[in-house]
């Protein structure tokens, strides 16, 4: 969403996000919101990821994380960012 939308209320952000969804994703989002009226966009995204990402995707990300090595000529900052992103994708429990 645009930076200007960052100032919108959380409810407005949720409804703006809903306009981007179609099909099963839209249906699942509406079901989630029916039971969680005060949900944030981040909570909604997390729910959709949990619903639509399969176990194989998680295993693939874990394998990529385990094999992650600093490449020749890669700065420590770039390597750190790459590892951090892979870790967040592989181990979603609070990163």
Protein backbone atom coordinates (compact mmCIF):
# COMPACT_ATOMS: atom_id res chain seq x y z
CA UNK A 1 0.00 0.00 0.00
CA UNK A 2 1.10 3.57 -0.54
CA UNK A 3 2.98 5.50 2.13
CA UNK A 4 0.04 7.92 2.35
CA UNK A 5 -2.14 5.01 3.47
CA UNK A 6 0.07 4.57 6.54
CA UNK A 7 -1.82 7.41 8.21
CA UNK A 8 -5.22 5.80 7.55
CA UNK A 9 -7.00 4.07 10.39
CA UNK A 10 -6.30 0.38 10.87
CA UNK A 11 -9.84 -0.46 9.77
CA UNK A 12 -9.43 1.57 6.58
CA UNK A 13 -6.13 -0.21 5.90
CA UNK A 14 -7.80 -3.61 6.35
CA UNK A 15 -10.59 -2.71 3.92
CA UNK A 16 -8.10 -1.28 1.43
CA UNK A 17 -6.13 -4.55 1.63
CA UNK A 18 -9.32 -6.54 1.04
CA UNK A 19 -9.78 -4.78 -2.30
CA UNK A 20 -6.56 -6.44 -3.48
CA UNK A 21 -7.75 -9.97 -2.73
CA UNK A 22 -9.74 -12.28 -4.99
CA UNK A 23 -11.11 -15.81 -4.90
CA UNK A 24 -10.21 -18.09 -2.02
CA UNK A 25 -7.92 -15.49 -0.46
CA UNK A 26 -10.76 -12.97 -0.29
CA UNK A 27 -13.16 -15.58 1.11
CA UNK A 28 -10.67 -16.66 3.79
CA UNK A 29 -9.92 -13.06 4.73
CA UNK A 30 -13.62 -12.28 5.16
CA UNK A 31 -14.12 -15.42 7.29
CA UNK A 32 -11.18 -14.39 9.47
CA UNK A 33 -12.51 -10.85 9.85
CA UNK A 34 -15.97 -12.14 10.80
CA UNK A 35 -14.45 -13.69 13.89
CA UNK A 36 -11.82 -10.99 14.46
CA UNK A 37 -13.47 -7.66 13.81
CA UNK A 38 -10.56 -5.65 15.25
CA UNK A 39 -7.82 -7.49 13.33
CA UNK A 40 -4.94 -5.50 11.89
CA UNK A 41 -3.56 -5.82 8.37
CA UNK A 42 -0.53 -7.65 9.79
CA UNK A 43 -2.76 -10.17 11.57
CA UNK A 44 -4.77 -10.68 8.40
CA UNK A 45 -1.64 -11.22 6.32
CA UNK A 46 -0.30 -13.69 8.90
CA UNK A 47 -3.59 -15.61 8.79
CA UNK A 48 -3.54 -15.77 5.00
CA UNK A 49 0.07 -16.94 4.99
CA UNK A 50 -0.73 -19.62 7.54
CA UNK A 51 -3.69 -20.75 5.44
CA UNK A 52 -2.05 -20.79 2.03
CA UNK A 53 1.61 -21.60 2.63
CA UNK A 54 2.09 -25.33 2.74
CA UNK A 55 4.49 -27.40 4.79
CA UNK A 56 6.73 -27.99 1.79
CA UNK A 57 7.31 -24.24 1.43
CA UNK A 58 8.44 -24.06 5.06
CA UNK A 59 10.79 -27.02 4.61
CA UNK A 60 12.26 -25.43 1.48
CA UNK A 61 12.91 -22.17 3.32
CA UNK A 62 14.52 -24.07 6.22
CA UNK A 63 16.81 -25.88 3.77
CA UNK A 64 17.77 -22.58 2.12
CA UNK A 65 18.50 -21.10 5.56
CA UNK A 66 20.68 -24.08 6.52
CA UNK A 67 22.73 -23.75 3.31
CA UNK A 68 23.09 -19.98 3.51
CA UNK A 69 26.73 -18.88 3.39
CA UNK A 70 28.37 -15.53 2.86
CA UNK A 71 29.31 -15.17 -0.78
CA UNK A 72 32.72 -13.98 -1.91
CA UNK A 73 32.71 -10.19 -2.04
CA UNK A 74 29.37 -9.91 -0.22
CA UNK A 75 29.38 -7.33 2.56
CA UNK A 76 28.54 -8.49 6.07
CA UNK A 77 25.52 -6.17 6.05
CA UNK A 78 24.10 -7.70 2.87
CA UNK A 79 24.78 -11.21 4.20
CA UNK A 80 23.10 -10.35 7.52
CA UNK A 81 20.01 -9.03 5.74
CA UNK A 82 19.81 -12.14 3.56
CA UNK A 83 20.12 -14.44 6.59
CA UNK A 84 17.59 -12.42 8.57
CA UNK A 85 15.00 -12.63 5.77
CA UNK A 86 15.54 -16.37 5.29
CA UNK A 87 15.27 -16.97 9.03
CA UNK A 88 12.02 -15.00 9.22
CA UNK A 89 10.58 -17.01 6.33
CA UNK A 90 11.78 -20.36 7.67
CA UNK A 91 10.85 -19.84 11.31
CA UNK A 92 7.77 -17.62 11.37
CA UNK A 93 7.25 -17.99 15.11
CA UNK A 94 7.90 -14.40 16.08
CA UNK A 95 10.76 -13.13 13.94
